[in-house]
Structure formats: structure tokens, C-alpha cells
C-alpha atoms as a PDB file:
ATOM      1  CA  MET A   1      57.339-186.918 -99.802  1.00  0.00           C
ATOM      2  CA  GLU A   2      60.439-187.641 -97.742  1.00  0.00           C
ATOM      3  CA  GLU A   3      63.675-186.985 -99.663  1.00  0.00           C
ATOM      4  CA  LYS A   4      65.541-190.094-100.729  1.00  0.00           C
ATOM      5  CA  ILE A   5      69.068-190.005 -99.242  1.00  0.00           C
ATOM      6  CA  ILE A   6      71.835-191.963-100.921  1.00  0.00           C
ATOM      7  CA  THR A   7      73.746-193.863 -98.248  1.00  0.00           C
ATOM      8  CA  ARG A   8      77.137-195.498 -98.265  1.00  0.00           C
ATOM      9  CA  ARG A   9      75.357-198.856 -98.463  1.00  0.00           C
ATOM     10  CA  ASP A  10      73.645-197.664-101.648  1.00  0.00           C
ATOM     11  CA  PHE A  11      76.979-196.544-102.980  1.00  0.00           C
ATOM     12  CA  LEU A  12      78.669-199.883-102.392  1.00  0.00           C
ATOM     13  CA  ARG A  13      75.720-201.857-103.725  1.00  0.00           C
ATOM     14  CA  VAL A  14      74.970-200.201-107.045  1.00  0.00           C
ATOM     15  CA  THR A  15      76.807-200.826-110.277  1.00  0.00           C
ATOM     16  CA  ALA A  16      77.959-198.132-112.673  1.00  0.00           C
ATOM     17  CA  GLY A  17      75.124-198.720-115.092  1.00  0.00           C
ATOM     18  CA  ALA A  18      72.392-198.876-112.458  1.00  0.00           C
ATOM     19  CA  ALA A  19      73.662-196.041-110.255  1.00  0.00           C
ATOM     20  CA  VAL A  20      71.070-193.433-111.104  1.00  0.00           C
ATOM     21  CA  THR A  21      68.188-195.908-111.040  1.00  0.00           C
ATOM     22  CA  ALA A  22      69.258-197.403-107.726  1.00  0.00           C
ATOM     23  CA  ALA A  23      69.781-194.007-106.160  1.00  0.00           C
ATOM     24  CA  LEU A  24      66.326-192.779-107.114  1.00  0.00           C
ATOM     25  CA  GLY A  25      64.507-195.981-106.160  1.00  0.00           C
ATOM     26  CA  THR A  26      61.811-197.987-107.905  1.00  0.00           C
ATOM     27  CA  GLY A  27      58.766-195.940-106.913  1.00  0.00           C
ATOM     28  CA  VAL A  28      59.825-192.723-108.580  1.00  0.00           C
ATOM     29  CA  VAL A  29      57.670-192.691-111.716  1.00  0.00           C
ATOM     30  CA  ALA A  30      54.307-192.281-110.007  1.00  0.00           C
ATOM     31  CA  GLU A  31      55.670-189.657-107.606  1.00  0.00           C
ATOM     32  CA  THR A  32      57.566-187.446-110.037  1.00  0.00           C
ATOM     33  CA  ARG A  33      55.111-186.894-112.867  1.00  0.00           C
ATOM     34  CA  ALA A  34      54.650-183.280-111.796  1.00  0.00           C
ATOM     35  CA  GLU A  35      58.363-182.694-111.088  1.00  0.00           C
ATOM     36  CA  PRO A  36      60.598-180.578-113.330  1.00  0.00           C
ATOM     37  CA  THR A  37      61.829-181.822-116.663  1.00  0.00           C
ATOM     38  CA  ALA A  38      64.912-180.876-118.651  1.00  0.00           C
ATOM     39  CA  LYS A  39      65.780-180.508-122.309  1.00  0.00           C
ATOM     40  CA  VAL A  40      69.093-181.754-123.706  1.00  0.00           C
ATOM     41  CA  VAL A  41      70.299-181.629-127.303  1.00  0.00           C
ATOM     42  CA  LEU A  42      72.547-184.257-128.868  1.00  0.00           C
ATOM     43  CA  ILE A  43      74.014-183.289-132.224  1.00  0.00           C
ATOM     44  CA  ARG A  44      76.370-185.354-134.372  1.00  0.00           C
ATOM     45  CA  ASN A  45      78.101-184.818-137.702  1.00  0.00           C
ATOM     46  CA  ALA A  46      80.015-187.511-139.582  1.00  0.00           C
ATOM     47  CA  GLU A  47      82.350-184.875-141.060  1.00  0.00           C
ATOM     48  CA  VAL A  48      83.484-183.192-137.841  1.00  0.00           C
ATOM     49  CA  LEU A  49      86.662-185.298-137.611  1.00  0.00           C
ATOM     50  CA  GLY A  50      89.184-185.442-140.428  1.00  0.00           C
ATOM     51  CA  PRO A  51      92.329-187.584-140.790  1.00  0.00           C
ATOM     52  CA  GLN A  52      93.967-188.461-137.440  1.00  0.00           C
ATOM     53  CA  ASP A  53      90.764-187.216-135.797  1.00  0.00           C
ATOM     54  CA  LYS A  54      91.592-183.604-136.634  1.00  0.00           C
ATOM     55  CA  VAL A  55      88.653-181.433-135.585  1.00  0.00           C
ATOM     56  CA  GLN A  56      87.070-179.589-138.483  1.00  0.00           C
ATOM     57  CA  GLU A  57      86.460-176.199-136.912  1.00  0.00           C
ATOM     58  CA  GLU A  58      83.734-174.920-139.238  1.00  0.00           C
ATOM     59  CA  VAL A  59      81.750-178.138-138.912  1.00  0.00           C
ATOM     60  CA  LEU A  60      82.065-178.043-135.120  1.00  0.00           C
ATOM     61  CA  ARG A  61      80.988-174.402-135.009  1.00  0.00           C
ATOM     62  CA  SER A  62      77.926-175.248-137.093  1.00  0.00           C
ATOM     63  CA  MET A  63      77.079-178.140-134.749  1.00  0.00           C
ATOM     64  CA  LEU A  64      77.290-175.901-131.705  1.00  0.00           C
ATOM     65  CA  ASP A  65      75.123-173.253-133.361  1.00  0.00           C
ATOM     66  CA  GLU A  66      72.468-175.797-134.325  1.00  0.00           C
ATOM     67  CA  ALA A  67      72.458-177.347-130.855  1.00  0.00           C
ATOM     68  CA  VAL A  68      72.087-174.032-129.016  1.00  0.00           C
ATOM     69  CA  LYS A  69      69.431-172.820-131.450  1.00  0.00           C
ATOM     70  CA  ASN A  70      67.354-175.961-130.900  1.00  0.00           C
ATOM     71  CA  LEU A  71      67.908-175.892-127.156  1.00  0.00           C
ATOM     72  CA  LEU A  72      66.537-172.338-126.873  1.00  0.00           C
ATOM     73  CA  GLY A  73      63.929-172.696-129.630  1.00  0.00           C
ATOM     74  CA  THR A  74      65.045-169.688-131.658  1.00  0.00           C
ATOM     75  CA  ALA A  75      65.069-169.057-135.397  1.00  0.00           C
ATOM     76  CA  GLY A  76      68.810-168.481-135.531  1.00  0.00           C
ATOM     77  CA  PRO A  77      71.895-169.225-133.417  1.00  0.00           C
ATOM     78  CA  LEU A  78      72.807-165.629-132.575  1.00  0.00           C
ATOM     79  CA  GLU A  79      69.341-165.032-131.146  1.00  0.00           C
ATOM     80  CA  ALA A  80      69.837-168.093-128.935  1.00  0.00           C
ATOM     81  CA  TRP A  81      73.208-166.903-127.635  1.00  0.00           C
ATOM     82  CA  GLN A  82      71.687-163.491-126.947  1.00  0.00           C
ATOM     83  CA  LYS A  83      69.087-165.178-124.762  1.00  0.00           C
ATOM     84  CA  LEU A  84      71.890-166.645-122.677  1.00  0.00           C
ATOM     85  CA  PHE A  85      74.366-163.761-122.475  1.00  0.00           C
ATOM     86  CA  LYS A  86      74.301-159.971-122.251  1.00  0.00           C
ATOM     87  CA  SER A  87      76.927-157.677-123.730  1.00  0.00           C
ATOM     88  CA  SER A  88      77.746-156.528-120.183  1.00  0.00           C
ATOM     89  CA  ASP A  89      78.575-160.067-118.978  1.00  0.00           C
ATOM     90  CA  VAL A  90      82.009-161.152-117.792  1.00  0.00           C
ATOM     91  CA  VAL A  91      82.219-164.734-119.058  1.00  0.00           C
ATOM     92  CA  GLY A  92      84.496-167.554-117.995  1.00  0.00           C
ATOM     93  CA  ILE A  93      84.740-170.552-120.325  1.00  0.00           C
ATOM     94  CA  LYS A  94      85.582-173.435-117.981  1.00  0.00           C
ATOM     95  CA  SER A  95      87.597-175.804-120.124  1.00  0.00           C
ATOM     96  CA  ASN A  96      89.479-179.013-119.331  1.00  0.00           C
ATOM     97  CA  THR A  97      93.183-179.442-120.031  1.00  0.00           C
ATOM     98  CA  TRP A  98      93.714-183.134-119.204  1.00  0.00           C
ATOM     99  CA  ALA A  99      96.451-183.918-121.739  1.00  0.00           C
ATOM    100  CA  ARG A 100      95.042-187.245-122.985  1.00  0.00           C
ATOM    101  CA  LEU A 101      91.583-185.881-123.826  1.00  0.00           C
ATOM    102  CA  PRO A 102      91.336-182.088-123.451  1.00  0.00           C
ATOM    103  CA  THR A 103      88.559-179.750-124.488  1.00  0.00           C
ATOM    104  CA  PRO A 104      89.340-179.099-128.186  1.00  0.00           C
ATOM    105  CA  LYS A 105      90.732-175.647-128.917  1.00  0.00           C
ATOM    106  CA  GLU A 106      88.270-175.509-131.798  1.00  0.00           C
ATOM    107  CA  LEU A 107      85.364-175.792-129.360  1.00  0.00           C
ATOM    108  CA  GLU A 108      86.801-173.098-127.111  1.00  0.00           C
ATOM    109  CA  SER A 109      87.201-170.877-130.176  1.00  0.00           C
ATOM    110  CA  ALA A 110      83.610-171.502-131.328  1.00  0.00           C
ATOM    111  CA  ILE A 111      82.231-170.558-127.913  1.00  0.00           C
ATOM    112  CA  LYS A 112      84.354-167.423-127.719  1.00  0.00           C
ATOM    113  CA  ARG A 113      83.336-166.392-131.249  1.00  0.00           C
ATOM    114  CA  ARG A 114      79.652-166.520-130.367  1.00  0.00           C
ATOM    115  CA  LEU A 115      80.211-164.587-127.126  1.00  0.00           C
ATOM    116  CA  LEU A 116      81.939-161.855-129.127  1.00  0.00           C
ATOM    117  CA  ASP A 117      79.044-161.888-131.589  1.00  0.00           C
ATOM    118  CA  THR A 118      76.599-161.252-128.743  1.00  0.00           C
ATOM    119  CA  GLY A 119      78.577-158.145-127.823  1.00  0.00           C
ATOM    120  CA  VAL A 120      80.636-159.429-124.897  1.00  0.00           C
ATOM    121  CA  ALA A 121      83.938-157.546-124.863  1.00  0.00           C
ATOM    122  CA  GLU A 122      87.009-159.672-125.548  1.00  0.00           C
ATOM    123  CA  LYS A 123      88.632-158.360-122.366  1.00  0.00           C
ATOM    124  CA  ASN A 124      85.670-159.824-120.467  1.00  0.00           C
ATOM    125  CA  ILE A 125      86.072-163.364-121.821  1.00  0.00           C
ATOM    126  CA  GLY A 126      88.454-165.878-120.265  1.00  0.00           C
ATOM    127  CA  ILE A 127      89.285-169.533-120.943  1.00  0.00           C
ATOM    128  CA  ASP A 128      90.846-171.536-118.126  1.00  0.00           C
ATOM    129  CA  ASP A 129      90.856-174.791-116.219  1.00  0.00           C
ATOM    130  CA  ARG A 130      93.282-175.296-113.352  1.00  0.00           C
ATOM    131  CA  GLY A 131      93.939-171.601-112.913  1.00  0.00           C
ATOM    132  CA  VAL A 132      90.370-170.412-112.359  1.00  0.00           C
ATOM    133  CA  LEU A 133      90.942-169.490-108.719  1.00  0.00           C
ATOM    134  CA  ASN A 134      93.683-167.060-109.758  1.00  0.00           C
ATOM    135  CA  ASN A 135      92.019-165.772-112.919  1.00  0.00           C
ATOM    136  CA  PRO A 136      90.372-162.308-112.554  1.00  0.00           C
ATOM    137  CA  ILE A 137      87.804-163.136-115.259  1.00  0.00           C
ATOM    138  CA  PHE A 138      86.517-166.125-113.306  1.00  0.00           C
ATOM    139  CA  LEU A 139      86.750-164.375-109.938  1.00  0.00           C
ATOM    140  CA  ASN A 140      84.613-161.519-111.289  1.00  0.00           C
ATOM    141  CA  SER A 141      82.456-163.509-113.700  1.00  0.00           C
ATOM    142  CA  THR A 142      78.761-162.928-114.141  1.00  0.00           C
ATOM    143  CA  ALA A 143      78.334-165.941-116.438  1.00  0.00           C
ATOM    144  CA  LEU A 144      80.051-169.260-117.156  1.00  0.00           C
ATOM    145  CA  VAL A 145      80.180-171.756-120.008  1.00  0.00           C
ATOM    146  CA  ASN A 146      81.087-175.284-118.917  1.00  0.00           C
ATOM    147  CA  ALA A 147      82.780-177.279-121.703  1.00  0.00           C
ATOM    148  CA  ARG A 148      84.686-180.541-121.357  1.00  0.00           C
ATOM    149  CA  PRO A 149      85.148-183.962-122.991  1.00  0.00           C
ATOM    150  CA  LEU A 150      83.111-186.985-121.947  1.00  0.00           C
ATOM    151  CA  ARG A 151      85.103-189.838-120.428  1.00  0.00           C
ATOM    152  CA  THR A 152      85.233-192.324-117.607  1.00  0.00           C
ATOM    153  CA  HIS A 153      86.959-191.196-114.437  1.00  0.00           C
ATOM    154  CA  HIS A 154      88.698-193.015-111.588  1.00  0.00           C
ATOM    155  CA  TRP A 155      87.197-190.948-108.762  1.00  0.00           C
ATOM    156  CA  SER A 156      83.739-190.077-110.072  1.00  0.00           C
ATOM    157  CA  GLY A 157      82.950-192.914-112.487  1.00  0.00           C
ATOM    158  CA  VAL A 158      82.475-190.441-115.320  1.00  0.00           C
ATOM    159  CA  GLY A 159      84.176-187.150-116.083  1.00  0.00           C
ATOM    160  CA  THR A 160      81.346-184.823-117.060  1.00  0.00           C
ATOM    161  CA  CYS A 161      80.109-181.272-116.458  1.00  0.00           C
ATOM    162  CA  LEU A 162      79.509-181.576-112.716  1.00  0.00           C
ATOM    163  CA  LYS A 163      83.035-182.881-112.214  1.00  0.00           C
ATOM    164  CA  ASN A 164      84.517-180.082-114.330  1.00  0.00           C
ATOM    165  CA  TYR A 165      83.962-177.524-111.558  1.00  0.00           C
ATOM    166  CA  ILE A 166      86.251-179.260-109.049  1.00  0.00           C
ATOM    167  CA  GLN A 167      88.963-176.709-109.899  1.00  0.00           C
ATOM    168  CA  PHE A 168      86.796-173.998-108.316  1.00  0.00           C
ATOM    169  CA  VAL A 169      87.808-175.258-104.858  1.00  0.00           C
ATOM    170  CA  PRO A 170      91.312-175.120-103.347  1.00  0.00           C
ATOM    171  CA  ASP A 171      91.154-178.697-102.044  1.00  0.00           C
ATOM    172  CA  PRO A 172      89.817-180.966-104.850  1.00  0.00           C
ATOM    173  CA  PRO A 173      90.751-184.287-103.140  1.00  0.00           C
ATOM    174  CA  SER A 174      88.332-183.524-100.309  1.00  0.00           C
ATOM    175  CA  TYR A 175      85.492-183.907-102.836  1.00  0.00           C
ATOM    176  CA  HIS A 176      86.506-187.437-103.884  1.00  0.00           C
ATOM    177  CA  ASP A 177      84.633-189.294-101.133  1.00  0.00           C
ATOM    178  CA  GLU A 178      82.089-191.940-102.180  1.00  0.00           C
ATOM    179  CA  GLY A 179      82.335-191.497-105.926  1.00  0.00           C
ATOM    180  CA  CYS A 180      82.713-187.709-105.653  1.00  0.00           C
ATOM    181  CA  SER A 181      79.235-187.424-104.151  1.00  0.00           C
ATOM    182  CA  PRO A 182      80.012-183.954-102.713  1.00  0.00           C
ATOM    183  CA  LEU A 183      80.666-182.459-106.163  1.00  0.00           C
ATOM    184  CA  GLY A 184      77.225-180.862-106.232  1.00  0.00           C
ATOM    185  CA  LYS A 185      78.138-178.745-103.223  1.00  0.00           C
ATOM    186  CA  ILE A 186      80.713-176.870-105.317  1.00  0.00           C
ATOM    187  CA  TRP A 187      77.885-175.586-107.510  1.00  0.00           C
ATOM    188  CA  THR A 188      76.366-173.858-104.453  1.00  0.00           C
ATOM    189  CA  TYR A 189      79.457-171.728-103.784  1.00  0.00           C
ATOM    190  CA  SER A 190      79.312-168.067-104.735  1.00  0.00           C
ATOM    191  CA  ILE A 191      82.086-168.298-107.321  1.00  0.00           C
ATOM    192  CA  VAL A 192      79.803-170.397-109.574  1.00  0.00           C
ATOM    193  CA  ARG A 193      76.306-170.367-108.051  1.00  0.00           C
ATOM    194  CA  GLY A 194      73.675-169.411-110.626  1.00  0.00           C
ATOM    195  CA  LYS A 195      76.241-168.368-113.233  1.00  0.00           C
ATOM    196  CA  THR A 196      76.368-171.345-115.599  1.00  0.00           C
ATOM    197  CA  ARG A 197      74.401-170.514-118.735  1.00  0.00           C
ATOM    198  CA  LEU A 198      75.478-173.446-120.924  1.00  0.00           C
ATOM    199  CA  ASN A 199      76.909-176.946-120.391  1.00  0.00           C
ATOM    200  CA  ILE A 200      78.651-178.703-123.279  1.00  0.00           C
ATOM    201  CA  LEU A 201      79.857-182.295-123.143  1.00  0.00           C
ATOM    202  CA  CYS A 202      82.248-182.812-126.025  1.00  0.00           C
ATOM    203  CA  CYS A 203      81.619-186.310-127.371  1.00  0.00           C
ATOM    204  CA  LEU A 204      83.808-186.203-130.467  1.00  0.00           C
ATOM    205  CA  THR A 205      85.995-189.051-129.158  1.00  0.00           C
ATOM    206  CA  PRO A 206      84.653-190.155-125.756  1.00  0.00           C
ATOM    207  CA  GLN A 207      86.369-192.725-123.546  1.00  0.00           C
ATOM    208  CA  PHE A 208      83.809-195.292-122.403  1.00  0.00           C
ATOM    209  CA  TYR A 209      85.895-197.499-120.093  1.00  0.00           C
ATOM    210  CA  GLY A 210      88.847-197.196-117.768  1.00  0.00           C
ATOM    211  CA  ARG A 211      90.245-198.363-114.430  1.00  0.00           C
ATOM    212  CA  GLY A 212      92.734-196.542-112.239  1.00  0.00           C
ATOM    213  CA  ALA A 213      93.804-192.930-111.919  1.00  0.00           C
ATOM    214  CA  ASN A 214      94.586-191.087-115.180  1.00  0.00           C
ATOM    215  CA  PHE A 215      93.718-194.171-117.214  1.00  0.00           C
ATOM    216  CA  PHE A 216      93.749-193.739-120.983  1.00  0.00           C
ATOM    217  CA  ASP A 217      93.610-196.447-123.623  1.00  0.00           C
ATOM    218  CA  ARG A 218      92.678-195.809-127.256  1.00  0.00           C
ATOM    219  CA  ARG A 219      90.941-199.189-127.404  1.00  0.00           C
ATOM    220  CA  TYR A 220      88.192-197.595-125.333  1.00  0.00           C
ATOM    221  CA  VAL A 221      87.912-194.350-127.273  1.00  0.00           C
ATOM    222  CA  TRP A 222      85.631-194.117-130.289  1.00  0.00           C
ATOM    223  CA  PRO A 223      84.706-191.469-132.894  1.00  0.00           C
ATOM    224  CA  TYR A 224      81.180-190.658-131.764  1.00  0.00           C
ATOM    225  CA  LYS A 225      81.416-187.197-133.360  1.00  0.00           C
ATOM    226  CA  GLY A 226      78.883-185.509-131.149  1.00  0.00           C
ATOM    227  CA  LEU A 227      78.096-182.757-128.648  1.00  0.00           C
ATOM    228  CA  ILE A 228      75.648-182.985-125.749  1.00  0.00           C
ATOM    229  CA  VAL A 229      74.354-179.528-124.859  1.00  0.00           C
ATOM    230  CA  GLY A 230      71.987-178.193-122.212  1.00  0.00           C
ATOM    231  CA  THR A 231      71.392-175.611-119.526  1.00  0.00           C
ATOM    232  CA  ASP A 232      70.881-178.321-116.877  1.00  0.00           C
ATOM    233  CA  PRO A 233      74.257-179.868-115.933  1.00  0.00           C
ATOM    234  CA  VAL A 234      72.678-182.859-114.199  1.00  0.00           C
ATOM    235  CA  ALA A 235      70.568-183.772-117.221  1.00  0.00           C
ATOM    236  CA  VAL A 236      73.524-183.323-119.577  1.00  0.00           C
ATOM    237  CA  ASP A 237      75.644-185.582-117.367  1.00  0.00           C
ATOM    238  CA  ALA A 238      72.897-188.201-117.042  1.00  0.00           C
ATOM    239  CA  ILE A 239      72.689-188.459-120.835  1.00  0.00           C
ATOM    240  CA  GLY A 240      76.488-188.621-121.098  1.00  0.00           C
ATOM    241  CA  ALA A 241      76.748-191.368-118.481  1.00  0.00           C
ATOM    242  CA  HIS A 242      73.995-193.325-120.233  1.00  0.00           C
ATOM    243  CA  LEU A 243      75.849-193.047-123.538  1.00  0.00           C
ATOM    244  CA  LEU A 244      79.048-194.471-122.027  1.00  0.00           C
ATOM    245  CA  GLN A 245      77.084-197.272-120.359  1.00  0.00           C
ATOM    246  CA  THR A 246      75.375-198.195-123.636  1.00  0.00           C
ATOM    247  CA  LYS A 247      78.720-198.246-125.428  1.00  0.00           C
ATOM    248  CA  ARG A 248      80.252-200.482-122.740  1.00  0.00           C
ATOM    249  CA  ILE A 249      77.402-202.961-123.056  1.00  0.00           C
ATOM    250  CA  GLY A 250      77.807-203.060-126.828  1.00  0.00           C
ATOM    251  CA  PHE A 251      81.585-203.442-126.618  1.00  0.00           C
ATOM    252  CA  PHE A 252      81.907-205.949-123.756  1.00  0.00           C
ATOM    253  CA  GLY A 253      78.514-207.649-123.951  1.00  0.00           C
ATOM    254  CA  GLU A 254      77.821-206.412-120.419  1.00  0.00           C
ATOM    255  CA  ASP A 255      78.003-203.219-118.398  1.00  0.00           C
ATOM    256  CA  LYS A 256      81.557-203.777-117.235  1.00  0.00           C
ATOM    257  CA  ALA A 257      82.088-202.113-113.866  1.00  0.00           C
ATOM    258  CA  LEU A 258      84.006-198.875-113.466  1.00  0.00           C
ATOM    259  CA  ASP A 259      86.122-198.041-110.413  1.00  0.00           C
ATOM    260  CA  VAL A 260      83.065-196.369-108.888  1.00  0.00           C
ATOM    261  CA  PRO A 261      79.495-195.900-110.091  1.00  0.00           C
ATOM    262  CA  PRO A 262      78.665-192.308-111.108  1.00  0.00           C
ATOM    263  CA  ILE A 263      76.221-191.718-108.270  1.00  0.00           C
ATOM    264  CA  HIS A 264      77.298-188.087-107.905  1.00  0.00           C
ATOM    265  CA  ILE A 265      74.870-187.290-110.742  1.00  0.00           C
ATOM    266  CA  ALA A 266      71.860-188.497-108.761  1.00  0.00           C
ATOM    267  CA  VAL A 267      73.200-186.839-105.611  1.00  0.00           C
ATOM    268  CA  ALA A 268      73.445-183.520-107.475  1.00  0.00           C
ATOM    269  CA  ASP A 269      69.742-183.902-108.238  1.00  0.00           C
ATOM    270  CA  LYS A 270      68.283-185.338-105.039  1.00  0.00           C
ATOM    271  CA  THR A 271      70.525-183.653-102.445  1.00  0.00           C
ATOM    272  CA  TYR A 272      71.697-180.420-104.084  1.00  0.00           C
ATOM    273  CA  HIS A 273      68.711-179.893-106.432  1.00  0.00           C
ATOM    274  CA  LEU A 274      70.898-178.845-109.353  1.00  0.00           C
ATOM    275  CA  GLY A 275      68.860-180.495-112.097  1.00  0.00           C
ATOM    276  CA  VAL A 276      67.186-183.626-113.406  1.00  0.00           C
ATOM    277  CA  SER A 277      68.929-187.025-113.285  1.00  0.00           C
ATOM    278  CA  ASP A 278      65.925-189.231-114.112  1.00  0.00           C
ATOM    279  CA  LEU A 279      66.225-190.148-117.797  1.00  0.00           C
ATOM    280  CA  SER A 280      62.446-190.455-118.080  1.00  0.00           C
ATOM    281  CA  ARG A 281      62.140-186.735-117.317  1.00  0.00           C
ATOM    282  CA  ILE A 282      64.784-185.588-119.793  1.00  0.00           C
ATOM    283  CA  GLN A 283      63.646-184.567-123.266  1.00  0.00           C
ATOM    284  CA  LEU A 284      66.512-185.622-125.525  1.00  0.00           C
ATOM    285  CA  VAL A 285      66.497-183.934-128.931  1.00  0.00           C
ATOM    286  CA  LYS A 286      68.690-185.797-131.420  1.00  0.00           C
ATOM    287  CA  LEU A 287      70.024-183.944-134.454  1.00  0.00           C
ATOM    288  CA  GLY A 288      72.277-184.771-137.379  1.00  0.00           C
ATOM    289  CA  TRP A 289      74.086-188.046-138.054  1.00  0.00           C
ATOM    290  CA  MET A 290      72.150-190.987-136.596  1.00  0.00           C
ATOM    291  CA  GLU A 291      74.385-193.972-137.385  1.00  0.00           C
ATOM    292  CA  GLU A 292      75.088-195.904-134.149  1.00  0.00           C
ATOM    293  CA  VAL A 293      73.619-193.047-132.137  1.00  0.00           C
ATOM    294  CA  LEU A 294      73.153-195.461-129.164  1.00  0.00           C
ATOM    295  CA  LEU A 295      70.689-193.185-127.345  1.00  0.00           C
END
């Protein structure tokens, strides 16, 4: 089968909600039945946010444990983490420090706690975002955890796990072309290639709509109180993008367009072969609080 290439015409034609479908084409189902699948876990807890949306650390830690345990199919959370990491690993936790919606410190702490529990030495664990290219832990890492909030994004349509690695290159703006379609290429560079053991989209308070650079408006942020977790960054991002699309439709009565459609997710699949973007081939396991789950 000839590979489907996403052209500029495709890019300009598709809408944010239909980006993945348009990129993959209409004849995919019959052709991809034997293609790889991916497993993604969504977990929610109504008690994870307290007054003023204060993150309840113990609840969040329990959510992460349950998600990773179910993702790996183990009896307990520590066994799952031990499947992902060795005590000899040097682990970088790639966070996100965007001031309006950063990776919660409580999530960073929960990840670090479990790495320590698996036997990783504290001196071999680092947490960073914009300084990764100057951080010895990341430069010498054997494993990475990718953790960031879910939101819309001016350049890429959605800010998700694939986008979170743009700080691993010295020239991020050069990856902004055509809805950040080249983002997948970053994942092929030696500094990150094959190292990412876990991808975590923090959906405690996602932003589902925005226009313009660095846009933030609390009208478009809601207490979803969830985490989306997987080993496949493309599948995790596809679920995250679908969640934001579903929320936009419910809020506006239509899939109101973003600045660009998030086609970089499909490109990461079809061009860079980083994972599964087709929702029909993603096994989504839903755990916990189901009110207005949307997925």
C-alpha cells in the first residue's frame, strides 16, 4: 500500500475536528485491520481538585498509580513502574512550565516518587522544560517521562505530548510550519529517540478553545479532573485532541475552528511512524468518575 502523504492542500482544507480523519483518508478501515493498535488509559476522580482548583496530591498520586497499573496489566502500581524503568536508569521528567497552565508540581512529585520507589537514584532523576538542552540529566538520560497539560495551541492546534518535546531542539520556531507538522521528526533525534517510557496528558483543567499566540481565557477551561496515560504518544494525543473537540462541540454547538488543525498528530503516525492516530485502533480504558466523560 502506498503511504498517504499529507500535503499543504490537505492542511488548508481540513478543519480542526476532522484533521486526523481527513489526513488518513476514507478507505483506511479495510486496509488497517492488521495494523498496530494502542492502549490508552483515561482516569478521572471528582475529588482531585479542591477549593480554587487546588490539586489534591494524594488523590492525584492514586490516579496515576491506577492508570499505570491498568496500562501495563499488573497487580500493583510498583510492579508496573518496574516494568517501565530500571534502577540503573537516568530519567528525565519532561515537564511544561507555561505560566497559565503548567504541569502541576503535584504530578511531577508523584512521578518522581514512583521512580525512587523503583530504585532509580535521586541524583539520576531530573525535572525540566526549557532547560533540557543544558541539563546533564536529560543529555545523559536513558529514559524519559513526558508530562504536560492538555490545551489548545496557536501553532499546533493542540498542545499535547508530541508538542512537549519541541524544547529538545535549539530552533523551535523552525518546527512551526504547517501546524507543526515536523514535530514528529524531533522524536527521531538521538536525545529522545526510543527513550520515552510514559506519556501523561494532564487533563485536570484543560483548555478546549483559543485563538492567537499564548491565548488563555478561563471561560474555555473546565474541571475535567482527569489524566490520559499511555506509552504511545500519538495515541495519547489523538485521544486528547478528540476530547477537546468534543468539548468544543458541546460548548459552542459546533466544532469551532482553531488557528490550525492538529494534523501533526496524523503526520507523526503516517510519516514518522511514532504511534497510532486512528481512533478506531486505540483501545481506550476509562476508569473512575464517569460524569460528563465525553469520550
